[in-house]
Amino acid sequence: MTDLTTISDLTLTEGEVRYVLRNLDEEKATGPDKIPAVLLKNCAASIAPSLCELFNKSLSSGQLPSEWKLSNVCPIPKKSPLHEVSNYRPISLLSLVSKVFERCIYNRLIDHISSKLNELQYGFQRGKSTTSQLLHVLHNIHEMLEKRCQVDKIYLDFAKAFDKVSHDLLLVKPITLASKPLPVLSGVPQGSILGPILFLIYVNDLPDSVSQDTAVSMFADDTKCHRAVRNPQDRVILQSDLNNITNWCQDWRMDLNKS
């Protein structure tokens, strides 16, 4: 991946496309085009060459077939009361052909991108989980308590996190991915392959908003901040950190849940 300067330089192979097709989950729901996974999987050897050519033309031209930008949005309840529209999570059922394309790109880029992500982020990454995040946080708190310090903790959660990602700001995030700033016309729909990793890129620099002695741990759109409080000034610093996070949210057009 060291010779990759832009996404248009990426060239997929028939073998990569065929591999993704053959590993499709036959139970996956179809998108607006109604093309089922079982058909794509069983015809992998026959359609891989044509799809590979189509995918590479899309990469080199920077254009995506308009049909692949459509989705059937399925509202999944998150919490009660169910008559409140805001209590549903919109899951996008996308074209499975477009998801094959996304998976091919994901397989190529994930190792390169993962090395650039903040180590304090535990969401959507291989080898990391809520358990590893919890162990990290508990270890930090235990060390502070052993020093007989009070520990103040703040829990933060983005409101409508995936929906709030600004299209025009996404590609200017300072993650040094060797990409030129370009307008992006697609979002990060929940249900896509690349959506989660794009979201991680978007929030990657959030921990830079807090002071050095304030510990931060993230799992996707959930963030925990805690600090040892030895004197009143530590509380002032923690409040300042919270203010800085609020400013970050304003700069990047994200909202925090108030509850």
C-alpha atoms as a PDB file:
ATOM      1  CA  MET A   1       0.000   0.000   0.000  1.00  0.00           C
ATOM      2  CA  THR A   2       3.014   2.346   0.155  1.00  0.00           C
ATOM      3  CA  ASP A   3       2.709   3.160  -3.554  1.00  0.00           C
ATOM      4  CA  LEU A   4      -0.981   4.110  -3.289  1.00  0.00           C
ATOM      5  CA  THR A   5      -1.390   7.890  -3.477  1.00  0.00           C
ATOM      6  CA  THR A   6      -5.099   8.201  -4.333  1.00  0.00           C
ATOM      7  CA  ILE A   7      -8.056   5.844  -4.497  1.00  0.00           C
ATOM      8  CA  SER A   8      -7.938   6.097  -8.305  1.00  0.00           C
ATOM      9  CA  ASP A   9      -4.537   4.361  -8.216  1.00  0.00           C
ATOM     10  CA  LEU A  10      -6.090   1.256  -6.691  1.00  0.00           C
ATOM     11  CA  THR A  11      -6.623  -1.603  -9.163  1.00  0.00           C
ATOM     12  CA  LEU A  12      -8.586  -4.675  -8.116  1.00  0.00           C
ATOM     13  CA  THR A  13      -7.985  -8.160  -9.483  1.00  0.00           C
ATOM     14  CA  GLU A  14     -10.482 -10.763 -10.635  1.00  0.00           C
ATOM     15  CA  GLY A  15      -9.276 -13.029  -7.847  1.00  0.00           C
ATOM     16  CA  GLU A  16     -10.132 -10.436  -5.197  1.00  0.00           C
ATOM     17  CA  VAL A  17     -13.612  -9.913  -6.608  1.00  0.00           C
ATOM     18  CA  ARG A  18     -14.210 -13.645  -6.944  1.00  0.00           C
ATOM     19  CA  TYR A  19     -13.084 -14.237  -3.339  1.00  0.00           C
ATOM     20  CA  VAL A  20     -15.541 -11.664  -1.970  1.00  0.00           C
ATOM     21  CA  LEU A  21     -18.376 -13.033  -4.111  1.00  0.00           C
ATOM     22  CA  ARG A  22     -17.762 -16.587  -2.931  1.00  0.00           C
ATOM     23  CA  ASN A  23     -17.794 -15.505   0.705  1.00  0.00           C
ATOM     24  CA  LEU A  24     -21.110 -13.655   0.569  1.00  0.00           C
ATOM     25  CA  ASP A  25     -23.644 -14.499   3.264  1.00  0.00           C
ATOM     26  CA  GLU A  26     -26.593 -16.000   1.389  1.00  0.00           C
ATOM     27  CA  GLU A  27     -28.976 -14.673   4.053  1.00  0.00           C
ATOM     28  CA  LYS A  28     -28.048 -11.029   3.424  1.00  0.00           C
ATOM     29  CA  ALA A  29     -31.017  -8.803   2.601  1.00  0.00           C
ATOM     30  CA  THR A  30     -31.115  -7.365  -0.902  1.00  0.00           C
ATOM     31  CA  GLY A  31     -31.048  -3.684  -1.781  1.00  0.00           C
ATOM     32  CA  PRO A  32     -33.212  -1.769  -4.265  1.00  0.00           C
ATOM     33  CA  ASP A  33     -31.891  -3.823  -7.216  1.00  0.00           C
ATOM     34  CA  LYS A  34     -33.250  -7.060  -5.655  1.00  0.00           C
ATOM     35  CA  ILE A  35     -30.160  -9.050  -6.740  1.00  0.00           C
ATOM     36  CA  PRO A  36     -29.816 -11.828  -4.115  1.00  0.00           C
ATOM     37  CA  ALA A  37     -26.551 -12.936  -2.542  1.00  0.00           C
ATOM     38  CA  VAL A  38     -27.103 -16.564  -3.529  1.00  0.00           C
ATOM     39  CA  LEU A  39     -27.116 -15.604  -7.223  1.00  0.00           C
ATOM     40  CA  LEU A  40     -23.918 -13.562  -6.927  1.00  0.00           C
ATOM     41  CA  LYS A  41     -22.233 -16.307  -4.926  1.00  0.00           C
ATOM     42  CA  ASN A  42     -23.152 -19.169  -7.246  1.00  0.00           C
ATOM     43  CA  CYS A  43     -22.164 -17.189 -10.344  1.00  0.00           C
ATOM     44  CA  ALA A  44     -18.922 -15.858  -8.865  1.00  0.00           C
ATOM     45  CA  ALA A  45     -16.591 -17.409 -11.435  1.00  0.00           C
ATOM     46  CA  SER A  46     -18.682 -16.178 -14.368  1.00  0.00           C
ATOM     47  CA  ILE A  47     -19.349 -12.607 -13.243  1.00  0.00           C
ATOM     48  CA  ALA A  48     -16.078 -11.787 -11.471  1.00  0.00           C
ATOM     49  CA  PRO A  49     -14.250 -10.630 -14.664  1.00  0.00           C
ATOM     50  CA  SER A  50     -17.041  -8.236 -15.688  1.00  0.00           C
ATOM     51  CA  LEU A  51     -17.541  -6.894 -12.179  1.00  0.00           C
ATOM     52  CA  CYS A  52     -13.795  -6.430 -11.765  1.00  0.00           C
ATOM     53  CA  GLU A  53     -13.657  -4.346 -14.940  1.00  0.00           C
ATOM     54  CA  LEU A  54     -16.657  -2.294 -13.787  1.00  0.00           C
ATOM     55  CA  PHE A  55     -15.159  -1.749 -10.322  1.00  0.00           C
ATOM     56  CA  ASN A  56     -11.819  -0.618 -11.740  1.00  0.00           C
ATOM     57  CA  LYS A  57     -13.506   1.797 -14.142  1.00  0.00           C
ATOM     58  CA  SER A  58     -15.397   3.245 -11.194  1.00  0.00           C
ATOM     59  CA  LEU A  59     -12.159   3.656  -9.234  1.00  0.00           C
ATOM     60  CA  SER A  60     -10.223   5.256 -12.090  1.00  0.00           C
ATOM     61  CA  SER A  61     -13.048   7.626 -13.060  1.00  0.00           C
ATOM     62  CA  GLY A  62     -14.145   8.510  -9.530  1.00  0.00           C
ATOM     63  CA  GLN A  63     -17.767   7.782 -10.457  1.00  0.00           C
ATOM     64  CA  LEU A  64     -20.241   5.337  -8.974  1.00  0.00           C
ATOM     65  CA  PRO A  65     -23.323   3.985 -10.776  1.00  0.00           C
ATOM     66  CA  SER A  66     -26.314   5.956  -9.514  1.00  0.00           C
ATOM     67  CA  GLU A  67     -28.190   2.731  -8.712  1.00  0.00           C
ATOM     68  CA  TRP A  68     -25.506   1.871  -6.150  1.00  0.00           C
ATOM     69  CA  LYS A  69     -26.192   5.090  -4.272  1.00  0.00           C
ATOM     70  CA  LEU A  70     -29.772   4.039  -3.538  1.00  0.00           C
ATOM     71  CA  SER A  71     -30.808   2.158  -0.424  1.00  0.00           C
ATOM     72  CA  ASN A  72     -33.897   0.834   1.287  1.00  0.00           C
ATOM     73  CA  VAL A  73     -33.859   2.351   4.767  1.00  0.00           C
ATOM     74  CA  CYS A  74     -35.103  -0.027   7.443  1.00  0.00           C
ATOM     75  CA  PRO A  75     -35.883   1.601  10.833  1.00  0.00           C
ATOM     76  CA  ILE A  76     -34.651  -0.541  13.727  1.00  0.00           C
ATOM     77  CA  PRO A  77     -35.926   0.401  17.219  1.00  0.00           C
ATOM     78  CA  LYS A  78     -33.206   1.420  19.691  1.00  0.00           C
ATOM     79  CA  LYS A  79     -35.267   2.219  22.767  1.00  0.00           C
ATOM     80  CA  SER A  80     -38.772   3.050  23.953  1.00  0.00           C
ATOM     81  CA  PRO A  81     -41.156   4.708  23.379  1.00  0.00           C
ATOM     82  CA  LEU A  82     -41.509   3.296  19.885  1.00  0.00           C
ATOM     83  CA  HIS A  83     -43.846   6.039  18.693  1.00  0.00           C
ATOM     84  CA  GLU A  84     -40.897   8.485  18.794  1.00  0.00           C
ATOM     85  CA  VAL A  85     -39.195   8.579  15.391  1.00  0.00           C
ATOM     86  CA  SER A  86     -35.894   9.596  17.011  1.00  0.00           C
ATOM     87  CA  ASN A  87     -35.779   6.253  18.856  1.00  0.00           C
ATOM     88  CA  TYR A  88     -35.154   4.309  15.647  1.00  0.00           C
ATOM     89  CA  ARG A  89     -31.819   3.566  14.004  1.00  0.00           C
ATOM     90  CA  PRO A  90     -31.879   3.823  10.175  1.00  0.00           C
ATOM     91  CA  ILE A  91     -30.204   0.778   8.619  1.00  0.00           C
ATOM     92  CA  SER A  92     -29.510   1.122   4.895  1.00  0.00           C
ATOM     93  CA  LEU A  93     -30.093  -1.977   2.765  1.00  0.00           C
ATOM     94  CA  LEU A  94     -27.709  -1.367  -0.121  1.00  0.00           C
ATOM     95  CA  SER A  95     -27.134  -3.135  -3.408  1.00  0.00           C
ATOM     96  CA  LEU A  96     -25.132  -6.287  -2.700  1.00  0.00           C
ATOM     97  CA  VAL A  97     -23.054  -5.625  -5.815  1.00  0.00           C
ATOM     98  CA  SER A  98     -22.020  -2.271  -4.358  1.00  0.00           C
ATOM     99  CA  LYS A  99     -21.200  -3.988  -1.064  1.00  0.00           C
ATOM    100  CA  VAL A 100     -18.966  -6.452  -2.919  1.00  0.00           C
ATOM    101  CA  PHE A 101     -17.191  -3.419  -4.353  1.00  0.00           C
ATOM    102  CA  GLU A 102     -16.893  -1.863  -0.885  1.00  0.00           C
ATOM    103  CA  ARG A 103     -15.546  -5.100   0.588  1.00  0.00           C
ATOM    104  CA  CYS A 104     -12.855  -5.330  -2.086  1.00  0.00           C
ATOM    105  CA  ILE A 105     -11.731  -1.777  -1.289  1.00  0.00           C
ATOM    106  CA  TYR A 106     -11.965  -2.416   2.451  1.00  0.00           C
ATOM    107  CA  ASN A 107      -9.757  -5.514   2.202  1.00  0.00           C
ATOM    108  CA  ARG A 108      -7.109  -3.472   0.397  1.00  0.00           C
ATOM    109  CA  LEU A 109      -7.204  -0.412   2.655  1.00  0.00           C
ATOM    110  CA  ILE A 110      -7.901  -1.687   6.161  1.00  0.00           C
ATOM    111  CA  ASP A 111      -4.309  -2.478   7.178  1.00  0.00           C
ATOM    112  CA  HIS A 112      -3.090   0.877   5.881  1.00  0.00           C
ATOM    113  CA  ILE A 113      -5.876   2.820   7.593  1.00  0.00           C
ATOM    114  CA  SER A 114      -5.763   0.890  10.885  1.00  0.00           C
ATOM    115  CA  SER A 115      -2.157   1.928  11.456  1.00  0.00           C
ATOM    116  CA  LYS A 116      -3.260   5.580  11.249  1.00  0.00           C
ATOM    117  CA  LEU A 117      -6.195   5.347  13.652  1.00  0.00           C
ATOM    118  CA  ASN A 118      -5.928   6.617  17.205  1.00  0.00           C
ATOM    119  CA  GLU A 119      -4.974   3.809  19.579  1.00  0.00           C
ATOM    120  CA  LEU A 120      -7.670   5.064  21.968  1.00  0.00           C
ATOM    121  CA  GLN A 121     -10.372   3.990  19.479  1.00  0.00           C
ATOM    122  CA  TYR A 122     -11.689   0.463  20.124  1.00  0.00           C
ATOM    123  CA  GLY A 123     -14.651   0.339  17.738  1.00  0.00           C
ATOM    124  CA  PHE A 124     -14.921  -1.489  14.391  1.00  0.00           C
ATOM    125  CA  GLN A 125     -11.374  -2.873  14.534  1.00  0.00           C
ATOM    126  CA  ARG A 126      -9.947  -6.389  14.484  1.00  0.00           C
ATOM    127  CA  GLY A 127      -8.534  -7.479  17.808  1.00  0.00           C
ATOM    128  CA  LYS A 128     -10.375  -4.769  19.744  1.00  0.00           C
ATOM    129  CA  SER A 129     -13.712  -4.933  21.531  1.00  0.00           C
ATOM    130  CA  THR A 130     -15.808  -3.460  24.317  1.00  0.00           C
ATOM    131  CA  THR A 131     -14.004  -5.889  26.639  1.00  0.00           C
ATOM    132  CA  SER A 132     -10.529  -4.638  25.730  1.00  0.00           C
ATOM    133  CA  GLN A 133     -11.755  -1.061  26.079  1.00  0.00           C
ATOM    134  CA  LEU A 134     -13.228  -1.807  29.505  1.00  0.00           C
ATOM    135  CA  LEU A 135      -9.977  -3.422  30.674  1.00  0.00           C
ATOM    136  CA  HIS A 136      -8.013  -0.381  29.499  1.00  0.00           C
ATOM    137  CA  VAL A 137     -10.314   2.041  31.332  1.00  0.00           C
ATOM    138  CA  LEU A 138     -10.420  -0.028  34.532  1.00  0.00           C
ATOM    139  CA  HIS A 139      -6.624  -0.297  34.538  1.00  0.00           C
ATOM    140  CA  ASN A 140      -6.291   3.484  34.307  1.00  0.00           C
ATOM    141  CA  ILE A 141      -8.844   4.080  37.051  1.00  0.00           C
ATOM    142  CA  HIS A 142      -7.224   1.460  39.291  1.00  0.00           C
ATOM    143  CA  GLU A 143      -3.848   3.196  38.959  1.00  0.00           C
ATOM    144  CA  MET A 144      -5.416   6.525  39.941  1.00  0.00           C
ATOM    145  CA  LEU A 145      -7.230   5.020  42.931  1.00  0.00           C
ATOM    146  CA  GLU A 146      -4.033   3.342  44.125  1.00  0.00           C
ATOM    147  CA  LYS A 147      -2.539   6.829  44.364  1.00  0.00           C
ATOM    148  CA  ARG A 148      -5.541   7.759  46.538  1.00  0.00           C
ATOM    149  CA  CYS A 149      -6.901  10.148  43.943  1.00  0.00           C
ATOM    150  CA  GLN A 150     -10.527  10.966  43.333  1.00  0.00           C
ATOM    151  CA  VAL A 151     -11.511  10.034  39.774  1.00  0.00           C
ATOM    152  CA  ASP A 152     -14.071  12.115  37.869  1.00  0.00           C
ATOM    153  CA  LYS A 153     -15.530  10.493  34.767  1.00  0.00           C
ATOM    154  CA  ILE A 154     -17.534  11.853  31.833  1.00  0.00           C
ATOM    155  CA  TYR A 155     -19.565   9.716  29.423  1.00  0.00           C
ATOM    156  CA  LEU A 156     -20.179  11.188  25.967  1.00  0.00           C
ATOM    157  CA  ASP A 157     -22.308   9.878  23.136  1.00  0.00           C
ATOM    158  CA  PHE A 158     -22.831  11.410  19.700  1.00  0.00           C
ATOM    159  CA  ALA A 159     -26.423  11.977  18.634  1.00  0.00           C
ATOM    160  CA  LYS A 160     -27.225  10.399  15.234  1.00  0.00           C
ATOM    161  CA  ALA A 161     -23.496   9.846  14.799  1.00  0.00           C
ATOM    162  CA  PHE A 162     -23.395   8.272  11.324  1.00  0.00           C
ATOM    163  CA  ASP A 163     -26.035  10.633   9.998  1.00  0.00           C
ATOM    164  CA  LYS A 164     -24.136  13.704  11.191  1.00  0.00           C
ATOM    165  CA  VAL A 165     -20.857  13.050   9.363  1.00  0.00           C
ATOM    166  CA  SER A 166     -20.339  16.067   7.119  1.00  0.00           C
ATOM    167  CA  HIS A 167     -19.659  15.070   3.513  1.00  0.00           C
ATOM    168  CA  ASP A 168     -17.562  18.133   2.748  1.00  0.00           C
ATOM    169  CA  LEU A 169     -15.405  17.748   5.877  1.00  0.00           C
ATOM    170  CA  LEU A 170     -14.770  14.006   5.803  1.00  0.00           C
ATOM    171  CA  LEU A 171     -11.866  14.030   3.369  1.00  0.00           C
ATOM    172  CA  VAL A 172     -10.047  16.904   5.022  1.00  0.00           C
ATOM    173  CA  LYS A 173      -9.533  15.103   8.316  1.00  0.00           C
ATOM    174  CA  PRO A 174      -5.858  15.228   9.342  1.00  0.00           C
ATOM    175  CA  ILE A 175      -5.165  11.497   9.276  1.00  0.00           C
ATOM    176  CA  THR A 176      -2.433  11.563   6.598  1.00  0.00           C
ATOM    177  CA  LEU A 177      -3.969   8.945   4.341  1.00  0.00           C
ATOM    178  CA  ALA A 178      -2.274  10.362   1.238  1.00  0.00           C
ATOM    179  CA  SER A 179      -5.575  11.578  -0.191  1.00  0.00           C
ATOM    180  CA  LYS A 180      -6.272  14.882  -1.901  1.00  0.00           C
ATOM    181  CA  PRO A 181      -9.253  16.883  -0.570  1.00  0.00           C
ATOM    182  CA  LEU A 182     -12.150  16.206  -2.968  1.00  0.00           C
ATOM    183  CA  PRO A 183     -15.928  16.632  -2.710  1.00  0.00           C
ATOM    184  CA  VAL A 184     -17.521  13.384  -1.531  1.00  0.00           C
ATOM    185  CA  LEU A 185     -21.091  12.771  -2.646  1.00  0.00           C
ATOM    186  CA  SER A 186     -21.714   9.570  -0.696  1.00  0.00           C
ATOM    187  CA  GLY A 187     -22.342   9.365   3.042  1.00  0.00           C
ATOM    188  CA  VAL A 188     -21.542   6.749   5.643  1.00  0.00           C
ATOM    189  CA  PRO A 189     -24.823   4.807   5.832  1.00  0.00           C
ATOM    190  CA  GLN A 190     -25.265   2.278   8.599  1.00  0.00           C
ATOM    191  CA  GLY A 191     -25.256  -1.063   6.835  1.00  0.00           C
ATOM    192  CA  SER A 192     -22.401  -0.267   4.465  1.00  0.00           C
ATOM    193  CA  ILE A 193     -18.934  -1.854   4.547  1.00  0.00           C
ATOM    194  CA  LEU A 194     -16.848   1.317   4.448  1.00  0.00           C
ATOM    195  CA  GLY A 195     -19.197   3.424   6.585  1.00  0.00           C
ATOM    196  CA  PRO A 196     -17.743   2.358   9.964  1.00  0.00           C
ATOM    197  CA  ILE A 197     -14.107   2.920   8.992  1.00  0.00           C
ATOM    198  CA  LEU A 198     -14.977   6.298   7.461  1.00  0.00           C
ATOM    199  CA  PHE A 199     -16.654   7.257  10.722  1.00  0.00           C
ATOM    200  CA  LEU A 200     -13.526   6.288  12.677  1.00  0.00           C
ATOM    201  CA  ILE A 201     -11.486   8.525  10.386  1.00  0.00           C
ATOM    202  CA  TYR A 202     -13.920  11.364  11.023  1.00  0.00           C
ATOM    203  CA  VAL A 203     -13.623  11.218  14.830  1.00  0.00           C
ATOM    204  CA  ASN A 204      -9.963  10.165  14.878  1.00  0.00           C
ATOM    205  CA  ASP A 205      -8.596  13.464  16.213  1.00  0.00           C
ATOM    206  CA  LEU A 206     -11.201  13.971  18.957  1.00  0.00           C
ATOM    207  CA  PRO A 207      -8.796  12.809  21.732  1.00  0.00           C
ATOM    208  CA  ASP A 208      -6.412  15.606  20.722  1.00  0.00           C
ATOM    209  CA  SER A 209      -8.934  18.061  22.191  1.00  0.00           C
ATOM    210  CA  VAL A 210      -8.215  17.098  25.799  1.00  0.00           C
ATOM    211  CA  SER A 211      -5.241  17.765  28.065  1.00  0.00           C
ATOM    212  CA  GLN A 212      -2.460  15.252  28.561  1.00  0.00           C
ATOM    213  CA  ASP A 213      -3.497  13.916  31.972  1.00  0.00           C
ATOM    214  CA  THR A 214      -7.139  13.394  31.023  1.00  0.00           C
ATOM    215  CA  ALA A 215      -7.620   9.799  29.874  1.00  0.00           C
ATOM    216  CA  VAL A 216      -9.812   9.166  26.830  1.00  0.00           C
ATOM    217  CA  SER A 217     -11.255   5.908  25.544  1.00  0.00           C
ATOM    218  CA  MET A 218     -13.548   5.571  22.522  1.00  0.00           C
ATOM    219  CA  PHE A 219     -15.751   2.835  21.119  1.00  0.00           C
ATOM    220  CA  ALA A 220     -17.110   4.121  17.811  1.00  0.00           C
ATOM    221  CA  ASP A 221     -19.395   7.022  18.814  1.00  0.00           C
ATOM    222  CA  ASP A 222     -19.161   6.439  22.585  1.00  0.00           C
ATOM    223  CA  THR A 223     -16.420   8.302  24.449  1.00  0.00           C
ATOM    224  CA  LYS A 224     -15.263   8.097  28.067  1.00  0.00           C
ATOM    225  CA  CYS A 225     -13.077  10.768  29.681  1.00  0.00           C
ATOM    226  CA  HIS A 226     -11.688  10.520  33.201  1.00  0.00           C
ATOM    227  CA  ARG A 227      -9.116  12.377  35.250  1.00  0.00           C
ATOM    228  CA  ALA A 228      -7.530  12.069  38.672  1.00  0.00           C
ATOM    229  CA  VAL A 229      -8.742  14.971  40.793  1.00  0.00           C
ATOM    230  CA  ARG A 230      -6.133  16.009  43.357  1.00  0.00           C
ATOM    231  CA  ASN A 231      -7.159  19.636  43.744  1.00  0.00           C
ATOM    232  CA  PRO A 232      -9.784  22.135  42.513  1.00  0.00           C
ATOM    233  CA  GLN A 233      -7.622  22.997  39.502  1.00  0.00           C
ATOM    234  CA  ASP A 234      -8.006  19.441  38.165  1.00  0.00           C
ATOM    235  CA  ARG A 235     -11.773  19.949  38.062  1.00  0.00           C
ATOM    236  CA  VAL A 236     -11.262  23.194  36.169  1.00  0.00           C
ATOM    237  CA  ILE A 237      -9.039  21.387  33.660  1.00  0.00           C
ATOM    238  CA  LEU A 238     -11.589  18.588  33.189  1.00  0.00           C
ATOM    239  CA  GLN A 239     -14.307  21.158  32.549  1.00  0.00           C
ATOM    240  CA  SER A 240     -11.990  22.870  30.063  1.00  0.00           C
ATOM    241  CA  ASP A 241     -11.484  19.517  28.318  1.00  0.00           C
ATOM    242  CA  LEU A 242     -15.246  19.091  28.068  1.00  0.00           C
ATOM    243  CA  ASN A 243     -15.518  22.598  26.619  1.00  0.00           C
ATOM    244  CA  ASN A 244     -12.834  21.735  24.061  1.00  0.00           C
ATOM    245  CA  ILE A 245     -14.735  18.604  23.037  1.00  0.00           C
ATOM    246  CA  THR A 246     -17.857  20.731  22.631  1.00  0.00           C
ATOM    247  CA  ASN A 247     -15.887  23.097  20.396  1.00  0.00           C
ATOM    248  CA  TRP A 248     -14.620  20.119  18.385  1.00  0.00           C
ATOM    249  CA  CYS A 249     -18.220  19.014  17.868  1.00  0.00           C
ATOM    250  CA  GLN A 250     -19.183  22.470  16.654  1.00  0.00           C
ATOM    251  CA  ASP A 251     -16.224  22.623  14.267  1.00  0.00           C
ATOM    252  CA  TRP A 252     -17.023  19.205  12.774  1.00  0.00           C
ATOM    253  CA  ARG A 253     -20.829  19.549  12.901  1.00  0.00           C
ATOM    254  CA  MET A 254     -21.457  16.766  15.389  1.00  0.00           C
ATOM    255  CA  ASP A 255     -23.968  16.810  18.247  1.00  0.00           C
ATOM    256  CA  LEU A 256     -23.707  15.191  21.669  1.00  0.00           C
ATOM    257  CA  ASN A 257     -26.669  13.505  23.312  1.00  0.00           C
ATOM    258  CA  LYS A 258     -27.828  15.604  26.230  1.00  0.00           C
ATOM    259  CA  SER A 259     -29.357  12.750  28.202  1.00  0.00           C
END
